Protein backbone atom coordinates (compact mmCIF):
# COMPACT_ATOMS: atom_id res chain seq x y z
CA UNK A 1 80.83 58.28 163.95
CA UNK A 2 84.41 57.99 162.77
CA UNK A 3 85.11 61.56 163.88
CA UNK A 4 83.84 60.69 167.37
CA UNK A 5 86.08 57.60 167.39
CA UNK A 6 89.10 59.70 166.41
CA UNK A 7 88.30 62.24 169.10
CA UNK A 8 88.01 59.57 171.79
CA UNK A 9 91.20 57.88 170.61
CA UNK A 10 92.99 61.21 170.71
CA UNK A 11 91.86 61.78 174.28
CA UNK A 12 92.81 58.28 175.41
CA UNK A 13 96.24 58.34 173.79
CA UNK A 14 96.90 62.03 174.42
CA UNK A 15 97.31 62.63 170.70
CA UNK A 16 96.60 66.12 169.47
CA UNK A 17 97.02 64.83 165.91
CA UNK A 18 94.11 62.42 166.34
CA UNK A 19 92.06 65.31 167.71
CA UNK A 20 92.95 67.32 164.62
CA UNK A 21 91.97 64.39 162.39
CA UNK A 22 88.65 64.24 164.26
CA UNK A 23 87.99 67.91 163.52
CA UNK A 24 88.89 67.41 159.87
CA UNK A 25 86.52 64.43 159.64
CA UNK A 26 83.74 66.46 161.26
CA UNK A 27 84.28 69.10 158.57
CA UNK A 28 84.10 66.35 155.94
CA UNK A 29 80.77 65.23 157.40
CA UNK A 30 79.47 68.78 157.18
CA UNK A 31 80.54 68.96 153.54
CA UNK A 32 78.76 65.67 152.78
CA UNK A 33 75.62 67.05 154.41
CA UNK A 34 75.79 70.17 152.22
CA UNK A 35 76.30 67.98 149.15
CA UNK A 36 73.27 65.86 150.06
CA UNK A 37 71.13 68.97 150.53
CA UNK A 38 72.20 70.30 147.13
CA UNK A 39 71.27 66.94 145.55
CA UNK A 40 67.90 66.87 147.33
CA UNK A 41 67.20 70.42 146.18
CA UNK A 42 68.04 69.45 142.59
CA UNK A 43 65.69 66.46 142.78
CA UNK A 44 62.79 68.40 144.29
CA UNK A 45 62.93 71.32 141.91
CA UNK A 46 61.09 70.11 138.79
CA UNK A 47 60.91 73.50 137.08
CA UNK A 48 64.55 74.56 136.89
CA UNK A 49 67.68 72.85 135.62
CA UNK A 50 69.77 71.60 138.57
CA UNK A 51 72.93 73.49 139.37
CA UNK A 52 75.28 70.72 138.29
CA UNK A 53 78.39 72.86 138.70
CA UNK A 54 77.49 73.58 142.31
CA UNK A 55 76.78 69.91 143.01
CA UNK A 56 80.05 68.90 141.37
CA UNK A 57 81.96 71.54 143.35
CA UNK A 58 80.49 70.24 146.60
CA UNK A 59 81.36 66.64 145.76
CA UNK A 60 84.94 67.61 144.94
CA UNK A 61 85.16 69.50 148.23
CA UNK A 62 84.06 66.33 150.05
CA UNK A 63 86.74 64.30 148.28
CA UNK A 64 89.45 66.87 149.03
CA UNK A 65 88.52 67.04 152.71
CA UNK A 66 88.49 63.26 153.10
CA UNK A 67 91.82 63.03 151.30
CA UNK A 68 93.21 65.50 153.86
CA UNK A 69 91.80 63.46 156.75
CA UNK A 70 93.30 60.19 155.58
CA UNK A 71 96.60 61.83 154.69
CA UNK A 72 96.71 63.22 158.24
CA UNK A 73 95.94 59.83 159.75
CA UNK A 74 98.48 58.08 157.55
CA UNK A 75 101.22 60.45 158.71
CA UNK A 76 100.66 59.57 162.39
CA UNK A 77 103.26 57.49 164.17
CA UNK A 78 101.27 55.79 166.88
């Protein structure tokens, strides 16, 4: 939802930077979805040890992407 807001704001204000932030936030959402799927897979699989390193890597990727989004937004001079 926030990515859609950023996209609309970028269109209304003619700000390419807000459009870029929207794309970055959409990518963050995709990373969160991948993280959630990895967690669900770990919970459903009762026979094998979960891939904790993979789950941790995905969570860190989410954090890094969101950090990039908010850093981009913070640097805007609107």
